[in-house]
Amino acid sequence: MLGEVLPYLEVIKDNVAEEDIITEVEVPDIVGKTIKEAKQILKESNLEMEIMDINEEEIDNEMVISEQIPVSGVKVNSGTEIRCK
């Protein structure tokens, strides 16, 4: 039972390495930014980017992001992929 309650209370075990702890970050607003700008912003927040509905070879770094999932302000785990259109 304590194994279920302690993580909820954000109590960390002594034997867990610091790099094994998943941190949460707030999703930045990248709508209206170019793909190049958005990639840099997401990188600074330790987030990844996935461009939806377009082939890899069709991606132009000057294209502007019109939609993002999840939306800005949401807390996600570090390393999460942000889907963009």
PDB file of N, CA and C in Angstrom:
ATOM      1  N   MET A   1       0.823  -1.191   0.000  1.00  0.00           N
ATOM      2  CA  MET A   1       0.000   0.000   0.000  1.00  0.00           C
ATOM      3  C   MET A   1       0.872   1.261   0.000  1.00  0.00           C
ATOM      4  N   LEU A   2       1.929   1.264   0.789  1.00  0.00           N
ATOM      5  CA  LEU A   2       2.804   2.439   0.798  1.00  0.00           C
ATOM      6  C   LEU A   2       3.446   2.675  -0.567  1.00  0.00           C
ATOM      7  N   GLY A   3       3.676   1.572  -1.309  1.00  0.00           N
ATOM      8  CA  GLY A   3       4.255   1.694  -2.641  1.00  0.00           C
ATOM      9  C   GLY A   3       3.365   2.478  -3.586  1.00  0.00           C
ATOM     10  N   GLU A   4       2.076   2.497  -3.309  1.00  0.00           N
ATOM     11  CA  GLU A   4       1.143   3.258  -4.130  1.00  0.00           C
ATOM     12  C   GLU A   4       0.966   4.686  -3.621  1.00  0.00           C
ATOM     13  N   VAL A   5       1.034   4.856  -2.309  1.00  0.00           N
ATOM     14  CA  VAL A   5       0.781   6.154  -1.698  1.00  0.00           C
ATOM     15  C   VAL A   5       1.993   7.084  -1.799  1.00  0.00           C
ATOM     16  N   LEU A   6       3.193   6.553  -1.563  1.00  0.00           N
ATOM     17  CA  LEU A   6       4.382   7.403  -1.536  1.00  0.00           C
ATOM     18  C   LEU A   6       4.652   8.118  -2.871  1.00  0.00           C
ATOM     19  N   PRO A   7       4.549   7.439  -4.012  1.00  0.00           N
ATOM     20  CA  PRO A   7       4.738   8.194  -5.262  1.00  0.00           C
ATOM     21  C   PRO A   7       3.695   9.292  -5.451  1.00  0.00           C
ATOM     22  N   TYR A   8       2.475   9.039  -5.002  1.00  0.00           N
ATOM     23  CA  TYR A   8       1.418  10.042  -5.086  1.00  0.00           C
ATOM     24  C   TYR A   8       1.794  11.280  -4.271  1.00  0.00           C
ATOM     25  N   LEU A   9       2.434  11.037  -3.139  1.00  0.00           N
ATOM     26  CA  LEU A   9       2.870  12.140  -2.275  1.00  0.00           C
ATOM     27  C   LEU A   9       4.208  12.720  -2.723  1.00  0.00           C
ATOM     28  N   GLU A  10       4.716  12.212  -3.849  1.00  0.00           N
ATOM     29  CA  GLU A  10       5.973  12.639  -4.435  1.00  0.00           C
ATOM     30  C   GLU A  10       7.169  12.357  -3.531  1.00  0.00           C
ATOM     31  N   VAL A  11       7.086  11.277  -2.753  1.00  0.00           N
ATOM     32  CA  VAL A  11       8.205  10.828  -1.944  1.00  0.00           C
ATOM     33  C   VAL A  11       9.084   9.963  -2.837  1.00  0.00           C
ATOM     34  N   ILE A  12      10.382  10.249  -2.862  1.00  0.00           N
ATOM     35  CA  ILE A  12      11.312   9.555  -3.733  1.00  0.00           C
ATOM     36  C   ILE A  12      12.142   8.579  -2.917  1.00  0.00           C
ATOM     37  N   LYS A  13      12.324   7.374  -3.461  1.00  0.00           N
ATOM     38  CA  LYS A  13      13.158   6.377  -2.801  1.00  0.00           C
ATOM     39  C   LYS A  13      14.599   6.829  -2.814  1.00  0.00           C
ATOM     40  N   ASP A  14      15.350   6.441  -1.756  1.00  0.00           N
ATOM     41  CA  ASP A  14      16.758   6.807  -1.662  1.00  0.00           C
ATOM     42  C   ASP A  14      17.613   6.126  -2.722  1.00  0.00           C
ATOM     43  N   ASN A  15      17.213   4.952  -3.185  1.00  0.00           N
ATOM     44  CA  ASN A  15      18.047   4.213  -4.116  1.00  0.00           C
ATOM     45  C   ASN A  15      17.749   4.518  -5.586  1.00  0.00           C
ATOM     46  N   VAL A  16      16.967   5.539  -5.874  1.00  0.00           N
ATOM     47  CA  VAL A  16      16.658   5.916  -7.245  1.00  0.00           C
ATOM     48  C   VAL A  16      17.671   6.961  -7.702  1.00  0.00           C
ATOM     49  N   ALA A  17      18.338   6.684  -8.811  1.00  0.00           N
ATOM     50  CA  ALA A  17      19.306   7.632  -9.345  1.00  0.00           C
ATOM     51  C   ALA A  17      18.588   8.888  -9.813  1.00  0.00           C
ATOM     52  N   GLU A  18      19.243  10.024  -9.670  1.00  0.00           N
ATOM     53  CA  GLU A  18      18.632  11.294 -10.036  1.00  0.00           C
ATOM     54  C   GLU A  18      18.237  11.339 -11.509  1.00  0.00           C
ATOM     55  N   GLU A  19      19.065  10.727 -12.385  1.00  0.00           N
ATOM     56  CA  GLU A  19      18.749  10.744 -13.812  1.00  0.00           C
ATOM     57  C   GLU A  19      17.586   9.830 -14.163  1.00  0.00           C
ATOM     58  N   ASP A  20      17.177   8.927 -13.254  1.00  0.00           N
ATOM     59  CA  ASP A  20      16.042   8.043 -13.482  1.00  0.00           C
ATOM     60  C   ASP A  20      14.708   8.716 -13.145  1.00  0.00           C
ATOM     61  N   ILE A  21      14.752   9.869 -12.522  1.00  0.00           N
ATOM     62  CA  ILE A  21      13.537  10.583 -12.140  1.00  0.00           C
ATOM     63  C   ILE A  21      13.018  11.339 -13.352  1.00  0.00           C
ATOM     64  N   ILE A  22      11.757  11.107 -13.702  1.00  0.00           N
ATOM     65  CA  ILE A  22      11.146  11.775 -14.855  1.00  0.00           C
ATOM     66  C   ILE A  22      10.641  13.136 -14.395  1.00  0.00           C
ATOM     67  N   THR A  23      11.062  14.158 -15.109  1.00  0.00           N
ATOM     68  CA  THR A  23      10.623  15.498 -14.749  1.00  0.00           C
ATOM     69  C   THR A  23       9.501  15.937 -15.685  1.00  0.00           C
ATOM     70  N   GLU A  24       8.654  16.779 -15.169  1.00  0.00           N
ATOM     71  CA  GLU A  24       7.572  17.329 -15.973  1.00  0.00           C
ATOM     72  C   GLU A  24       7.956  18.731 -16.411  1.00  0.00           C
ATOM     73  N   VAL A  25       7.580  19.061 -17.634  1.00  0.00           N
ATOM     74  CA  VAL A  25       7.819  20.400 -18.166  1.00  0.00           C
ATOM     75  C   VAL A  25       6.514  20.932 -18.744  1.00  0.00           C
ATOM     76  N   GLU A  26       6.412  22.241 -18.808  1.00  0.00           N
ATOM     77  CA  GLU A  26       5.229  22.867 -19.393  1.00  0.00           C
ATOM     78  C   GLU A  26       5.437  23.010 -20.895  1.00  0.00           C
ATOM     79  N   VAL A  27       4.437  22.638 -21.669  1.00  0.00           N
ATOM     80  CA  VAL A  27       4.523  22.722 -23.124  1.00  0.00           C
ATOM     81  C   VAL A  27       4.494  24.203 -23.535  1.00  0.00           C
ATOM     82  N   PRO A  28       5.524  24.641 -24.283  1.00  0.00           N
ATOM     83  CA  PRO A  28       5.536  26.038 -24.729  1.00  0.00           C
ATOM     84  C   PRO A  28       4.591  26.256 -25.916  1.00  0.00           C
ATOM     85  N   ASP A  29       4.239  27.506 -26.167  1.00  0.00           N
ATOM     86  CA  ASP A  29       3.387  27.846 -27.301  1.00  0.00           C
ATOM     87  C   ASP A  29       4.263  27.992 -28.536  1.00  0.00           C
ATOM     88  N   ILE A  30       4.078  27.101 -29.529  1.00  0.00           N
ATOM     89  CA  ILE A  30       4.860  27.175 -30.760  1.00  0.00           C
ATOM     90  C   ILE A  30       3.994  27.495 -31.978  1.00  0.00           C
ATOM     91  N   VAL A  31       2.693  27.684 -31.775  1.00  0.00           N
ATOM     92  CA  VAL A  31       1.794  28.043 -32.883  1.00  0.00           C
ATOM     93  C   VAL A  31       2.201  29.425 -33.396  1.00  0.00           C
ATOM     94  N   GLY A  32       2.328  29.531 -34.726  1.00  0.00           N
ATOM     95  CA  GLY A  32       2.738  30.791 -35.338  1.00  0.00           C
ATOM     96  C   GLY A  32       4.244  30.900 -35.537  1.00  0.00           C
ATOM     97  N   LYS A  33       4.993  29.942 -35.017  1.00  0.00           N
ATOM     98  CA  LYS A  33       6.458  29.910 -35.179  1.00  0.00           C
ATOM     99  C   LYS A  33       6.804  29.059 -36.394  1.00  0.00           C
ATOM    100  N   THR A  34       7.978  29.313 -36.975  1.00  0.00           N
ATOM    101  CA  THR A  34       8.452  28.455 -38.054  1.00  0.00           C
ATOM    102  C   THR A  34       8.888  27.123 -37.448  1.00  0.00           C
ATOM    103  N   ILE A  35       8.999  26.114 -38.291  1.00  0.00           N
ATOM    104  CA  ILE A  35       9.445  24.803 -37.809  1.00  0.00           C
ATOM    105  C   ILE A  35      10.819  24.925 -37.160  1.00  0.00           C
ATOM    106  N   LYS A  36      11.691  25.704 -37.777  1.00  0.00           N
ATOM    107  CA  LYS A  36      13.041  25.899 -37.233  1.00  0.00           C
ATOM    108  C   LYS A  36      12.979  26.514 -35.834  1.00  0.00           C
ATOM    109  N   GLU A  37      12.173  27.566 -35.659  1.00  0.00           N
ATOM    110  CA  GLU A  37      12.029  28.219 -34.352  1.00  0.00           C
ATOM    111  C   GLU A  37      11.410  27.256 -33.339  1.00  0.00           C
ATOM    112  N   ALA A  38      10.374  26.535 -33.765  1.00  0.00           N
ATOM    113  CA  ALA A  38       9.667  25.614 -32.872  1.00  0.00           C
ATOM    114  C   ALA A  38      10.589  24.497 -32.386  1.00  0.00           C
ATOM    115  N   LYS A  39      11.410  23.959 -33.288  1.00  0.00           N
ATOM    116  CA  LYS A  39      12.355  22.908 -32.897  1.00  0.00           C
ATOM    117  C   LYS A  39      13.288  23.398 -31.801  1.00  0.00           C
ATOM    118  N   GLN A  40      13.785  24.625 -31.945  1.00  0.00           N
ATOM    119  CA  GLN A  40      14.702  25.190 -30.953  1.00  0.00           C
ATOM    120  C   GLN A  40      13.993  25.399 -29.610  1.00  0.00           C
ATOM    121  N   ILE A  41      12.790  25.926 -29.659  1.00  0.00           N
ATOM    122  CA  ILE A  41      12.021  26.161 -28.423  1.00  0.00           C
ATOM    123  C   ILE A  41      11.754  24.837 -27.707  1.00  0.00           C
ATOM    124  N   LEU A  42      11.339  23.821 -28.462  1.00  0.00           N
ATOM    125  CA  LEU A  42      11.055  22.514 -27.858  1.00  0.00           C
ATOM    126  C   LEU A  42      12.326  21.878 -27.323  1.00  0.00           C
ATOM    127  N   LYS A  43      13.422  22.023 -28.044  1.00  0.00           N
ATOM    128  CA  LYS A  43      14.704  21.469 -27.590  1.00  0.00           C
ATOM    129  C   LYS A  43      15.104  22.075 -26.242  1.00  0.00           C
ATOM    130  N   GLU A  44      14.910  23.387 -26.089  1.00  0.00           N
ATOM    131  CA  GLU A  44      15.234  24.073 -24.835  1.00  0.00           C
ATOM    132  C   GLU A  44      14.380  23.562 -23.672  1.00  0.00           C
ATOM    133  N   SER A  45      13.189  23.055 -23.984  1.00  0.00           N
ATOM    134  CA  SER A  45      12.294  22.502 -22.956  1.00  0.00           C
ATOM    135  C   SER A  45      12.436  20.988 -22.829  1.00  0.00           C
ATOM    136  N   ASN A  46      13.414  20.422 -23.552  1.00  0.00           N
ATOM    137  CA  ASN A  46      13.657  18.972 -23.554  1.00  0.00           C
ATOM    138  C   ASN A  46      12.434  18.207 -24.061  1.00  0.00           C
ATOM    139  N   LEU A  47      11.849  18.717 -25.150  1.00  0.00           N
ATOM    140  CA  LEU A  47      10.705  18.081 -25.798  1.00  0.00           C
ATOM    141  C   LEU A  47      11.068  17.774 -27.247  1.00  0.00           C
ATOM    142  N   GLU A  48      10.366  16.826 -27.839  1.00  0.00           N
ATOM    143  CA  GLU A  48      10.589  16.421 -29.226  1.00  0.00           C
ATOM    144  C   GLU A  48       9.461  16.958 -30.103  1.00  0.00           C
ATOM    145  N   MET A  49       9.690  16.957 -31.429  1.00  0.00           N
ATOM    146  CA  MET A  49       8.673  17.443 -32.359  1.00  0.00           C
ATOM    147  C   MET A  49       8.356  16.383 -33.403  1.00  0.00           C
ATOM    148  N   GLU A  50       7.066  16.237 -33.693  1.00  0.00           N
ATOM    149  CA  GLU A  50       6.613  15.399 -34.798  1.00  0.00           C
ATOM    150  C   GLU A  50       5.719  16.257 -35.680  1.00  0.00           C
ATOM    151  N   ILE A  51       6.048  16.300 -36.967  1.00  0.00           N
ATOM    152  CA  ILE A  51       5.223  17.038 -37.921  1.00  0.00           C
ATOM    153  C   ILE A  51       4.195  16.067 -38.486  1.00  0.00           C
ATOM    154  N   MET A  52       2.915  16.377 -38.326  1.00  0.00           N
ATOM    155  CA  MET A  52       1.842  15.506 -38.796  1.00  0.00           C
ATOM    156  C   MET A  52       1.441  15.845 -40.227  1.00  0.00           C
ATOM    157  N   ASP A  53       0.918  14.830 -40.912  1.00  0.00           N
ATOM    158  CA  ASP A  53       0.289  14.996 -42.226  1.00  0.00           C
ATOM    159  C   ASP A  53       1.223  15.538 -43.306  1.00  0.00           C
ATOM    160  N   ILE A  54       2.516  15.281 -43.175  1.00  0.00           N
ATOM    161  CA  ILE A  54       3.465  15.727 -44.199  1.00  0.00           C
ATOM    162  C   ILE A  54       4.632  14.757 -44.221  1.00  0.00           C
ATOM    163  N   ASN A  55       5.116  14.468 -45.428  1.00  0.00           N
ATOM    164  CA  ASN A  55       6.258  13.568 -45.568  1.00  0.00           C
ATOM    165  C   ASN A  55       7.543  14.264 -45.134  1.00  0.00           C
ATOM    166  N   GLU A  56       8.473  13.485 -44.635  1.00  0.00           N
ATOM    167  CA  GLU A  56       9.751  14.005 -44.148  1.00  0.00           C
ATOM    168  C   GLU A  56      10.452  14.877 -45.194  1.00  0.00           C
ATOM    169  N   GLU A  57      10.447  14.425 -46.451  1.00  0.00           N
ATOM    170  CA  GLU A  57      11.155  15.165 -47.502  1.00  0.00           C
ATOM    171  C   GLU A  57      10.439  16.453 -47.921  1.00  0.00           C
ATOM    172  N   GLU A  58       9.185  16.621 -47.528  1.00  0.00           N
ATOM    173  CA  GLU A  58       8.419  17.824 -47.868  1.00  0.00           C
ATOM    174  C   GLU A  58       8.552  18.923 -46.814  1.00  0.00           C
ATOM    175  N   ILE A  59       9.185  18.613 -45.694  1.00  0.00           N
ATOM    176  CA  ILE A  59       9.281  19.574 -44.592  1.00  0.00           C
ATOM    177  C   ILE A  59      10.237  20.704 -44.962  1.00  0.00           C
ATOM    178  N   ASP A  60       9.748  21.923 -44.799  1.00  0.00           N
ATOM    179  CA  ASP A  60      10.544  23.129 -45.022  1.00  0.00           C
ATOM    180  C   ASP A  60      10.634  23.844 -43.670  1.00  0.00           C
ATOM    181  N   ASN A  61      11.856  24.146 -43.227  1.00  0.00           N
ATOM    182  CA  ASN A  61      12.048  24.781 -41.921  1.00  0.00           C
ATOM    183  C   ASN A  61      11.367  26.135 -41.791  1.00  0.00           C
ATOM    184  N   GLU A  62      10.949  26.731 -42.909  1.00  0.00           N
ATOM    185  CA  GLU A  62      10.279  28.030 -42.854  1.00  0.00           C
ATOM    186  C   GLU A  62       8.754  27.907 -42.804  1.00  0.00           C
ATOM    187  N   MET A  63       8.233  26.672 -42.863  1.00  0.00           N
ATOM    188  CA  MET A  63       6.785  26.467 -42.712  1.00  0.00           C
ATOM    189  C   MET A  63       6.376  26.918 -41.315  1.00  0.00           C
ATOM    190  N   VAL A  64       5.148  27.412 -41.186  1.00  0.00           N
ATOM    191  CA  VAL A  64       4.659  27.931 -39.904  1.00  0.00           C
ATOM    192  C   VAL A  64       3.731  26.909 -39.257  1.00  0.00           C
ATOM    193  N   ILE A  65       3.909  26.721 -37.957  1.00  0.00           N
ATOM    194  CA  ILE A  65       3.081  25.799 -37.176  1.00  0.00           C
ATOM    195  C   ILE A  65       1.698  26.425 -36.988  1.00  0.00           C
ATOM    196  N   SER A  66       0.645  25.664 -37.332  1.00  0.00           N
ATOM    197  CA  SER A  66      -0.722  26.180 -37.183  1.00  0.00           C
ATOM    198  C   SER A  66      -1.487  25.506 -36.046  1.00  0.00           C
ATOM    199  N   GLU A  67      -0.964  24.368 -35.573  1.00  0.00           N
ATOM    200  CA  GLU A  67      -1.652  23.615 -34.514  1.00  0.00           C
ATOM    201  C   GLU A  67      -0.625  22.770 -33.776  1.00  0.00           C
ATOM    202  N   GLN A  68      -0.841  22.584 -32.485  1.00  0.00           N
ATOM    203  CA  GLN A  68       0.034  21.715 -31.697  1.00  0.00           C
ATOM    204  C   GLN A  68      -0.781  20.897 -30.722  1.00  0.00           C
ATOM    205  N   ILE A  69      -0.321  19.654 -30.507  1.00  0.00           N
ATOM    206  CA  ILE A  69      -0.960  18.746 -29.549  1.00  0.00           C
ATOM    207  C   ILE A  69       0.146  18.120 -28.713  1.00  0.00           C
ATOM    208  N   PRO A  70       0.117  18.232 -27.408  1.00  0.00           N
ATOM    209  CA  PRO A  70      -0.850  18.964 -26.588  1.00  0.00           C
ATOM    210  C   PRO A  70      -0.659  20.477 -26.705  1.00  0.00           C
ATOM    211  N   VAL A  71      -1.675  21.201 -26.298  1.00  0.00           N
ATOM    212  CA  VAL A  71      -1.646  22.661 -26.375  1.00  0.00           C
ATOM    213  C   VAL A  71      -0.665  23.217 -25.353  1.00  0.00           C
ATOM    214  N   SER A  72      -0.298  24.466 -25.527  1.00  0.00           N
ATOM    215  CA  SER A  72       0.643  25.099 -24.605  1.00  0.00           C
ATOM    216  C   SER A  72       0.049  25.195 -23.200  1.00  0.00           C
ATOM    217  N   GLY A  73       0.932  25.139 -22.228  1.00  0.00           N
ATOM    218  CA  GLY A  73       0.520  25.254 -20.831  1.00  0.00           C
ATOM    219  C   GLY A  73       0.296  23.927 -20.138  1.00  0.00           C
ATOM    220  N   VAL A  74       0.155  22.848 -20.911  1.00  0.00           N
ATOM    221  CA  VAL A  74      -0.062  21.526 -20.335  1.00  0.00           C
ATOM    222  C   VAL A  74       1.275  20.989 -19.807  1.00  0.00           C
ATOM    223  N   LYS A  75       1.266  20.288 -18.691  1.00  0.00           N
ATOM    224  CA  LYS A  75       2.472  19.652 -18.142  1.00  0.00           C
ATOM    225  C   LYS A  75       2.602  18.254 -18.736  1.00  0.00           C
ATOM    226  N   VAL A  76       3.799  17.947 -19.262  1.00  0.00           N
ATOM    227  CA  VAL A  76       4.085  16.636 -19.836  1.00  0.00           C
ATOM    228  C   VAL A  76       5.445  16.164 -19.325  1.00  0.00           C
ATOM    229  N   ASN A  77       5.715  14.882 -19.502  1.00  0.00           N
ATOM    230  CA  ASN A  77       7.023  14.352 -19.126  1.00  0.00           C
ATOM    231  C   ASN A  77       8.089  14.892 -20.066  1.00  0.00           C
ATOM    232  N   SER A  78       9.243  15.142 -19.516  1.00  0.00           N
ATOM    233  CA  SER A  78      10.392  15.552 -20.310  1.00  0.00           C
ATOM    234  C   SER A  78      10.632  14.515 -21.404  1.00  0.00           C
ATOM    235  N   GLY A  79      10.932  14.965 -22.622  1.00  0.00           N
ATOM    236  CA  GLY A  79      11.165  14.053 -23.734  1.00  0.00           C
ATOM    237  C   GLY A  79       9.926  13.725 -24.546  1.00  0.00           C
ATOM    238  N   THR A  80       8.765  14.217 -24.133  1.00  0.00           N
ATOM    239  CA  THR A  80       7.510  13.959 -24.836  1.00  0.00           C
ATOM    240  C   THR A  80       7.546  14.557 -26.232  1.00  0.00           C
ATOM    241  N   GLU A  81       6.898  13.874 -27.167  1.00  0.00           N
ATOM    242  CA  GLU A  81       6.817  14.349 -28.545  1.00  0.00           C
ATOM    243  C   GLU A  81       5.597  15.262 -28.687  1.00  0.00           C
ATOM    244  N   ILE A  82       5.818  16.464 -29.183  1.00  0.00           N
ATOM    245  CA  ILE A  82       4.739  17.416 -29.446  1.00  0.00           C
ATOM    246  C   ILE A  82       4.383  17.295 -30.922  1.00  0.00           C
ATOM    247  N   ARG A  83       3.119  17.017 -31.204  1.00  0.00           N
ATOM    248  CA  ARG A  83       2.661  16.831 -32.584  1.00  0.00           C
ATOM    249  C   ARG A  83       2.219  18.176 -33.142  1.00  0.00           C
ATOM    250  N   CYS A  84       2.697  18.490 -34.345  1.00  0.00           N
ATOM    251  CA  CYS A  84       2.433  19.785 -34.954  1.00  0.00           C
ATOM    252  C   CYS A  84       1.881  19.641 -36.359  1.00  0.00           C
ATOM    253  N   LYS A  85       1.117  20.651 -36.777  1.00  0.00           N
ATOM    254  CA  LYS A  85       0.625  20.771 -38.155  1.00  0.00           C
ATOM    255  C   LYS A  85       1.045  22.125 -38.673  1.00  0.00           C
TER     256      LYS A  85
END
